[in-house]
N, C-alpha and C. Protein backbone atom coordinates (compact mmCIF):
# COMPACT_ATOMS: atom_id res chain seq x y z
N UNK A 1 -64.72 -70.88 -25.21
CA UNK A 1 -63.95 -72.03 -24.79
C UNK A 1 -63.20 -72.57 -26.00
N UNK A 2 -61.92 -72.77 -25.90
CA UNK A 2 -61.12 -73.33 -26.97
C UNK A 2 -60.98 -74.82 -26.74
N UNK A 3 -61.32 -75.62 -27.73
CA UNK A 3 -61.28 -77.07 -27.59
C UNK A 3 -60.33 -77.64 -28.61
N UNK A 4 -59.42 -78.48 -28.15
CA UNK A 4 -58.54 -79.17 -29.07
C UNK A 4 -58.22 -80.54 -28.53
N UNK A 5 -57.95 -81.44 -29.41
CA UNK A 5 -57.64 -82.82 -29.05
C UNK A 5 -56.13 -82.96 -29.00
N UNK A 6 -55.58 -83.62 -27.96
CA UNK A 6 -54.13 -83.81 -27.88
C UNK A 6 -53.59 -84.50 -29.12
N UNK A 7 -52.42 -84.10 -29.58
CA UNK A 7 -51.88 -84.65 -30.82
C UNK A 7 -51.61 -86.15 -30.73
N UNK A 8 -51.26 -86.66 -29.57
CA UNK A 8 -50.98 -88.09 -29.45
C UNK A 8 -52.23 -88.93 -29.58
N UNK A 9 -53.41 -88.35 -29.41
CA UNK A 9 -54.66 -89.11 -29.47
C UNK A 9 -55.40 -88.93 -30.78
N UNK A 10 -54.85 -88.15 -31.70
CA UNK A 10 -55.54 -87.91 -32.96
C UNK A 10 -55.45 -89.11 -33.88
N UNK A 11 -56.54 -89.37 -34.59
CA UNK A 11 -56.55 -90.41 -35.58
C UNK A 11 -55.85 -89.90 -36.84
N UNK A 12 -55.38 -90.80 -37.67
CA UNK A 12 -54.74 -90.40 -38.91
C UNK A 12 -55.71 -89.58 -39.75
N UNK A 13 -55.20 -88.54 -40.39
CA UNK A 13 -55.98 -87.66 -41.26
C UNK A 13 -57.08 -86.90 -40.55
N UNK A 14 -57.02 -86.75 -39.24
CA UNK A 14 -58.04 -85.97 -38.55
C UNK A 14 -57.53 -84.54 -38.36
N UNK A 15 -58.45 -83.63 -38.23
CA UNK A 15 -58.15 -82.22 -38.10
C UNK A 15 -58.54 -81.79 -36.69
N UNK A 16 -57.67 -81.17 -35.95
CA UNK A 16 -57.99 -80.71 -34.60
C UNK A 16 -59.20 -79.79 -34.67
N UNK A 17 -60.18 -80.03 -33.80
CA UNK A 17 -61.36 -79.20 -33.75
C UNK A 17 -62.34 -79.46 -34.88
N UNK A 18 -62.21 -80.56 -35.58
CA UNK A 18 -63.10 -80.83 -36.70
C UNK A 18 -64.09 -81.94 -36.36
N UNK A 19 -64.71 -82.47 -37.39
CA UNK A 19 -65.73 -83.50 -37.24
C UNK A 19 -65.17 -84.73 -36.51
N UNK A 20 -65.93 -85.24 -35.56
CA UNK A 20 -65.53 -86.42 -34.80
C UNK A 20 -65.81 -87.71 -35.57
N UNK A 21 -66.61 -87.60 -36.64
CA UNK A 21 -67.05 -88.80 -37.35
C UNK A 21 -68.24 -89.44 -36.66
N UNK A 22 -68.73 -88.81 -35.60
CA UNK A 22 -69.83 -89.37 -34.81
C UNK A 22 -71.09 -88.50 -34.90
N UNK A 23 -71.08 -87.54 -35.80
CA UNK A 23 -72.24 -86.67 -35.94
C UNK A 23 -72.14 -85.37 -35.17
N UNK A 24 -71.05 -85.18 -34.44
CA UNK A 24 -70.82 -83.95 -33.69
C UNK A 24 -69.40 -83.49 -33.93
N UNK A 25 -69.16 -82.20 -33.78
CA UNK A 25 -67.82 -81.62 -33.93
C UNK A 25 -67.27 -81.23 -32.57
N UNK A 26 -65.95 -81.28 -32.44
CA UNK A 26 -65.33 -80.75 -31.23
C UNK A 26 -65.66 -79.28 -31.14
N UNK A 27 -66.04 -78.83 -29.96
CA UNK A 27 -66.41 -77.44 -29.76
C UNK A 27 -67.87 -77.15 -30.04
N UNK A 28 -68.59 -78.12 -30.57
CA UNK A 28 -70.01 -77.92 -30.89
C UNK A 28 -70.85 -77.87 -29.62
N UNK A 29 -71.84 -76.98 -29.62
CA UNK A 29 -72.79 -76.89 -28.50
C UNK A 29 -73.88 -77.92 -28.71
N UNK A 30 -74.20 -78.66 -27.65
CA UNK A 30 -75.23 -79.69 -27.70
C UNK A 30 -76.18 -79.54 -26.52
N UNK A 31 -77.34 -80.16 -26.65
CA UNK A 31 -78.35 -80.12 -25.59
C UNK A 31 -78.63 -81.55 -25.11
N UNK A 32 -78.66 -81.72 -23.79
CA UNK A 32 -78.97 -83.00 -23.16
C UNK A 32 -80.18 -82.79 -22.25
N UNK A 33 -81.09 -83.75 -22.21
CA UNK A 33 -82.34 -83.60 -21.45
C UNK A 33 -82.10 -83.31 -19.97
N UNK A 34 -81.11 -83.94 -19.35
CA UNK A 34 -80.87 -83.76 -17.91
C UNK A 34 -79.87 -82.64 -17.61
N UNK A 35 -78.77 -82.57 -18.37
CA UNK A 35 -77.68 -81.65 -18.06
C UNK A 35 -77.78 -80.30 -18.76
N UNK A 36 -78.64 -80.17 -19.74
CA UNK A 36 -78.83 -78.90 -20.45
C UNK A 36 -77.85 -78.71 -21.59
N UNK A 37 -77.41 -77.46 -21.78
CA UNK A 37 -76.51 -77.09 -22.88
C UNK A 37 -75.06 -77.32 -22.47
N UNK A 38 -74.29 -77.92 -23.38
CA UNK A 38 -72.88 -78.16 -23.11
C UNK A 38 -72.06 -78.08 -24.39
N UNK A 39 -70.75 -78.27 -24.25
CA UNK A 39 -69.81 -78.19 -25.37
C UNK A 39 -69.05 -79.51 -25.49
N UNK A 40 -69.00 -80.08 -26.70
CA UNK A 40 -68.26 -81.32 -26.94
C UNK A 40 -66.77 -81.01 -26.84
N UNK A 41 -66.07 -81.71 -25.93
CA UNK A 41 -64.64 -81.44 -25.71
C UNK A 41 -63.74 -82.62 -26.07
N UNK A 42 -64.30 -83.82 -26.24
CA UNK A 42 -63.49 -84.99 -26.59
C UNK A 42 -64.43 -86.07 -27.11
N UNK A 43 -63.86 -87.11 -27.69
CA UNK A 43 -64.65 -88.24 -28.17
C UNK A 43 -63.78 -89.47 -28.26
N UNK A 44 -64.43 -90.64 -28.30
CA UNK A 44 -63.71 -91.89 -28.51
C UNK A 44 -64.68 -92.97 -28.92
N UNK A 45 -64.16 -94.00 -29.54
CA UNK A 45 -64.95 -95.15 -29.92
C UNK A 45 -65.69 -94.97 -31.24
N UNK A 46 -66.31 -96.07 -31.66
CA UNK A 46 -67.10 -96.09 -32.89
C UNK A 46 -68.34 -96.94 -32.66
N UNK A 47 -69.30 -96.78 -33.53
CA UNK A 47 -70.51 -97.60 -33.46
C UNK A 47 -71.24 -97.44 -32.14
N UNK A 48 -71.73 -98.54 -31.59
CA UNK A 48 -72.50 -98.50 -30.35
C UNK A 48 -71.66 -98.12 -29.14
N UNK A 49 -70.35 -98.21 -29.26
CA UNK A 49 -69.47 -97.85 -28.14
C UNK A 49 -68.98 -96.40 -28.23
N UNK A 50 -69.40 -95.69 -29.25
CA UNK A 50 -68.97 -94.30 -29.42
C UNK A 50 -69.50 -93.45 -28.27
N UNK A 51 -68.63 -92.56 -27.77
CA UNK A 51 -69.05 -91.67 -26.71
C UNK A 51 -68.34 -90.33 -26.86
N UNK A 52 -68.95 -89.31 -26.29
CA UNK A 52 -68.38 -87.97 -26.33
C UNK A 52 -68.27 -87.44 -24.91
N UNK A 53 -67.28 -86.60 -24.70
CA UNK A 53 -67.12 -85.90 -23.44
C UNK A 53 -67.68 -84.51 -23.65
N UNK A 54 -68.63 -84.12 -22.80
CA UNK A 54 -69.29 -82.83 -22.94
C UNK A 54 -69.14 -82.05 -21.64
N UNK A 55 -68.71 -80.79 -21.76
CA UNK A 55 -68.61 -79.92 -20.60
C UNK A 55 -69.93 -79.16 -20.44
N UNK A 56 -70.58 -79.36 -19.29
CA UNK A 56 -71.81 -78.67 -18.96
C UNK A 56 -71.51 -77.65 -17.87
N UNK A 57 -71.92 -76.41 -18.07
CA UNK A 57 -71.63 -75.31 -17.15
C UNK A 57 -71.97 -75.66 -15.70
N UNK A 58 -73.14 -76.21 -15.44
CA UNK A 58 -73.56 -76.47 -14.07
C UNK A 58 -73.18 -77.84 -13.53
N UNK A 59 -72.77 -78.76 -14.41
CA UNK A 59 -72.53 -80.14 -13.98
C UNK A 59 -71.13 -80.65 -14.23
N UNK A 60 -70.29 -79.86 -14.88
CA UNK A 60 -68.94 -80.30 -15.19
C UNK A 60 -68.90 -81.15 -16.44
N UNK A 61 -67.83 -81.93 -16.59
CA UNK A 61 -67.62 -82.75 -17.78
C UNK A 61 -68.20 -84.14 -17.58
N UNK A 62 -68.95 -84.60 -18.58
CA UNK A 62 -69.59 -85.92 -18.54
C UNK A 62 -69.24 -86.67 -19.81
N UNK A 63 -68.94 -87.97 -19.67
CA UNK A 63 -68.79 -88.86 -20.83
C UNK A 63 -70.16 -89.46 -21.10
N UNK A 64 -70.65 -89.31 -22.33
CA UNK A 64 -71.98 -89.78 -22.69
C UNK A 64 -71.90 -90.74 -23.87
N UNK A 65 -72.51 -91.90 -23.73
CA UNK A 65 -72.59 -92.87 -24.83
C UNK A 65 -73.65 -92.36 -25.80
N UNK A 66 -73.25 -92.14 -27.05
CA UNK A 66 -74.15 -91.51 -28.01
C UNK A 66 -75.41 -92.31 -28.28
N UNK A 67 -75.33 -93.64 -28.23
CA UNK A 67 -76.52 -94.44 -28.52
C UNK A 67 -77.58 -94.32 -27.43
N UNK A 68 -77.23 -93.79 -26.25
CA UNK A 68 -78.19 -93.61 -25.15
C UNK A 68 -78.48 -92.15 -24.83
N UNK A 69 -77.54 -91.26 -25.08
CA UNK A 69 -77.62 -89.89 -24.58
C UNK A 69 -78.67 -89.02 -25.28
N UNK A 70 -79.01 -89.33 -26.52
CA UNK A 70 -79.98 -88.54 -27.27
C UNK A 70 -79.62 -87.04 -27.29
N UNK A 71 -78.36 -86.77 -27.62
CA UNK A 71 -77.91 -85.38 -27.73
C UNK A 71 -78.49 -84.73 -28.97
N UNK A 72 -78.76 -83.44 -28.87
CA UNK A 72 -79.23 -82.65 -30.00
C UNK A 72 -78.27 -81.47 -30.18
N UNK A 73 -78.10 -81.04 -31.41
CA UNK A 73 -77.30 -79.83 -31.66
C UNK A 73 -78.05 -78.65 -31.05
N UNK A 74 -77.31 -77.79 -30.36
CA UNK A 74 -77.90 -76.59 -29.74
C UNK A 74 -77.50 -75.39 -30.58
N UNK A 75 -78.46 -74.62 -30.98
CA UNK A 75 -78.20 -73.45 -31.81
C UNK A 75 -78.44 -72.19 -31.01
N UNK A 76 -77.59 -71.22 -31.25
CA UNK A 76 -77.78 -69.92 -30.60
C UNK A 76 -77.07 -69.73 -29.32
């Protein structure tokens, strides 16, 4: 899956497909307790309002608030 952020929504000095500044990278595989393994496809916000959009094979795309979601990096 190729993941990129639209150019109009990029922050200054950000690199497409790079670190979100939230502890996860665009395109990174993550694990969620309910939805399983997914891929980070977008992000927005900072601090307690920070959230990521993750595509899960069986559940589709979900926006998850990082302070509640308890996402873990998925390896392999």
